[in-house]
Amino acid sequence: MIDIRKLKELVRLMVENDLTELDLRDEQETVTVKRPGLHATPQLMPQFVQQAPMMMPAAAPAVAAAVAPPAEKLPAIESPMVGTFYASAGPDKAPFVGVGSKIGPDTTVCLIEAMKIFNEIKAETSGTVEEVLVKSGQPVEFGQALYRIRPN
């Protein structure tokens, strides 16, 4: 099993060097780490599969019409590492961003504490924050969505 410190170091190197995929192999271990690229286009997968029509009672069409279409899936800013999410620089400070905030690629959106080091997380995209998905002080995983962004 790979050492978590090695994995964190690999993720850090990927972020620092703007890599989207890393593949390492030796006699004992094989590790492949992938993350979305900065200019990756989100791909939406259909959520419903078309099925053959079924015999339904007369009241069923009214129920089916009441079901709303799925909400638009907006791109996310994801955590580049495992750690603790902080929305602001301190408990008495205002959050870096909130719903409605306009952001650019160099906008700091949060801090993630990993191994007692606070890492500034940049937006790496432009747009408007539509949703904050994590609460301050909550642990986050690599690749976990932190914010939903409506691109400009």
Protein backbone atom coordinates (compact mmCIF):
# COMPACT_ATOMS: atom_id res chain seq x y z
CA MET A 1 0.00 0.00 0.00
CA ILE A 2 1.29 3.45 -0.90
CA ASP A 3 2.33 5.77 1.90
CA ILE A 4 -0.13 8.68 2.26
CA ARG A 5 2.77 11.13 2.58
CA LYS A 6 4.09 10.00 -0.80
CA LEU A 7 0.64 10.43 -2.32
CA LYS A 8 0.27 13.94 -0.87
CA GLU A 9 3.69 14.85 -2.24
CA LEU A 10 2.71 13.55 -5.70
CA VAL A 11 -0.49 15.62 -5.63
CA ARG A 12 1.47 18.70 -4.53
CA LEU A 13 3.93 18.21 -7.40
CA MET A 14 1.06 17.84 -9.86
CA VAL A 15 -0.53 21.10 -8.70
CA GLU A 16 2.77 23.02 -8.65
CA ASN A 17 3.75 21.82 -12.13
CA ASP A 18 0.26 22.04 -13.63
CA LEU A 19 0.16 18.32 -14.48
CA THR A 20 -3.12 16.51 -15.18
CA GLU A 21 -1.85 12.92 -14.98
CA LEU A 22 0.99 11.15 -13.21
CA ASP A 23 1.83 7.48 -13.68
CA LEU A 24 4.56 5.87 -11.52
CA ARG A 25 5.57 2.22 -11.45
CA ASP A 26 8.22 0.16 -9.73
CA GLU A 27 8.58 -3.50 -8.73
CA GLN A 28 6.22 -3.16 -5.76
CA GLU A 29 3.77 -0.36 -6.58
CA THR A 30 1.87 1.19 -9.45
CA VAL A 31 0.30 4.61 -8.90
CA THR A 32 -1.75 6.64 -11.38
CA VAL A 33 -3.09 10.01 -10.26
CA LYS A 34 -5.36 12.07 -12.53
CA ARG A 35 -7.00 15.43 -12.09
CA PRO A 36 -9.01 17.62 -14.46
CA GLY A 37 -6.95 20.04 -16.50
CA LEU A 38 -7.29 23.78 -16.09
CA HIS A 39 -9.08 24.09 -19.42
CA ALA A 40 -10.96 20.82 -19.29
CA THR A 41 -14.50 21.00 -20.58
CA PRO A 42 -16.96 19.44 -18.16
CA GLN A 43 -18.80 16.54 -19.74
CA LEU A 44 -22.39 16.06 -18.76
CA MET A 45 -23.62 12.50 -18.71
CA PRO A 46 -27.32 11.83 -19.27
CA GLN A 47 -29.05 11.06 -16.00
CA PHE A 48 -32.05 9.22 -17.41
CA VAL A 49 -32.19 6.25 -19.75
CA GLN A 50 -35.04 6.16 -22.26
CA GLN A 51 -37.18 3.08 -21.63
CA ALA A 52 -40.06 1.55 -23.53
CA PRO A 53 -43.41 3.07 -22.55
CA MET A 54 -45.34 1.22 -19.88
CA MET A 55 -49.07 0.92 -19.39
CA MET A 56 -50.04 3.49 -16.76
CA PRO A 57 -53.30 4.43 -15.09
CA ALA A 58 -55.06 7.56 -16.36
CA ALA A 59 -53.76 9.70 -13.44
CA ALA A 60 -50.11 8.90 -14.15
CA PRO A 61 -49.51 11.57 -16.88
CA ALA A 62 -50.34 14.36 -14.40
CA VAL A 63 -47.79 12.96 -11.92
CA ALA A 64 -45.14 12.59 -14.63
CA ALA A 65 -45.69 16.19 -15.75
CA ALA A 66 -45.13 17.42 -12.19
CA VAL A 67 -41.59 16.01 -12.10
CA ALA A 68 -39.14 18.86 -12.76
CA PRO A 69 -36.19 18.44 -15.14
CA PRO A 70 -32.81 17.95 -13.43
CA ALA A 71 -31.03 21.14 -12.37
CA GLU A 72 -28.15 22.43 -14.49
CA LYS A 73 -24.82 20.88 -13.48
CA LEU A 74 -22.29 23.69 -13.09
CA PRO A 75 -18.50 23.16 -13.13
CA ALA A 76 -16.82 22.90 -9.73
CA ILE A 77 -13.65 24.09 -8.08
CA GLU A 78 -12.23 20.88 -6.60
CA SER A 79 -9.86 20.26 -3.74
CA PRO A 80 -6.32 19.57 -5.00
CA MET A 81 -5.45 17.73 -1.78
CA VAL A 82 -6.68 16.01 1.36
CA GLY A 83 -6.97 18.32 4.35
CA THR A 84 -9.20 20.67 6.31
CA PHE A 85 -11.16 23.34 4.42
CA TYR A 86 -11.19 26.93 5.70
CA ALA A 87 -13.37 29.54 3.99
CA SER A 88 -11.51 32.46 5.59
CA ALA A 89 -8.06 33.39 6.88
CA GLY A 90 -9.29 33.27 10.47
CA PRO A 91 -12.41 32.71 12.58
CA ASP A 92 -13.03 36.47 12.85
CA LYS A 93 -12.26 37.18 9.17
CA ALA A 94 -14.72 37.37 6.26
CA PRO A 95 -14.80 34.41 3.84
CA PHE A 96 -12.55 34.71 0.79
CA VAL A 97 -15.60 34.20 -1.49
CA GLY A 98 -19.31 33.55 -1.12
CA VAL A 99 -22.37 33.02 -3.30
CA GLY A 100 -22.44 35.79 -5.89
CA SER A 101 -18.70 36.56 -5.70
CA LYS A 102 -17.01 37.26 -9.03
CA ILE A 103 -13.76 35.29 -9.32
CA GLY A 104 -10.79 35.13 -11.66
CA PRO A 105 -8.05 32.52 -12.11
CA ASP A 106 -5.85 34.11 -9.43
CA THR A 107 -8.61 34.63 -6.84
CA THR A 108 -7.92 32.84 -3.55
CA VAL A 109 -11.12 30.93 -2.75
CA CYS A 110 -10.11 29.11 0.45
CA LEU A 111 -7.32 27.60 2.53
CA ILE A 112 -6.73 23.88 2.95
CA GLU A 113 -4.66 22.80 5.90
CA ALA A 114 -2.60 19.69 5.21
CA MET A 115 0.12 18.46 7.53
CA LYS A 116 -0.04 21.73 9.55
CA ILE A 117 0.58 23.82 6.41
CA PHE A 118 -2.09 26.22 5.14
CA ASN A 119 -2.30 26.08 1.35
CA GLU A 120 -4.01 28.92 -0.57
CA ILE A 121 -6.35 27.47 -3.17
CA LYS A 122 -6.80 29.59 -6.31
CA ALA A 123 -9.93 29.50 -8.48
CA GLU A 124 -8.03 28.71 -11.71
CA THR A 125 -11.21 29.76 -13.57
CA SER A 126 -13.36 32.84 -14.08
CA GLY A 127 -17.01 33.18 -13.21
CA THR A 128 -19.48 33.69 -10.39
CA VAL A 129 -19.74 31.52 -7.28
CA GLU A 130 -23.18 29.87 -7.40
CA GLU A 131 -22.86 27.46 -4.48
CA VAL A 132 -20.51 26.79 -1.56
CA LEU A 133 -20.46 23.02 -1.00
CA VAL A 134 -18.24 22.74 2.11
CA LYS A 135 -18.39 24.30 5.57
CA SER A 136 -15.35 25.87 7.16
CA GLY A 137 -13.45 23.40 9.35
CA GLN A 138 -14.77 20.38 7.44
CA PRO A 139 -12.32 17.72 6.18
CA VAL A 140 -12.07 17.42 2.38
CA GLU A 141 -10.77 14.75 0.02
CA PHE A 142 -8.69 15.06 -3.13
CA GLY A 143 -11.01 15.95 -6.01
CA GLN A 144 -13.96 16.85 -3.78
CA ALA A 145 -16.09 19.71 -5.15
CA LEU A 146 -15.76 22.83 -2.98
CA TYR A 147 -17.65 25.45 -5.02
CA ARG A 148 -19.98 25.44 -8.05
CA ILE A 149 -19.12 28.17 -10.54
CA ARG A 150 -21.15 29.76 -13.32
CA PRO A 151 -18.49 30.48 -15.98
CA ASN A 152 -18.28 33.92 -17.61
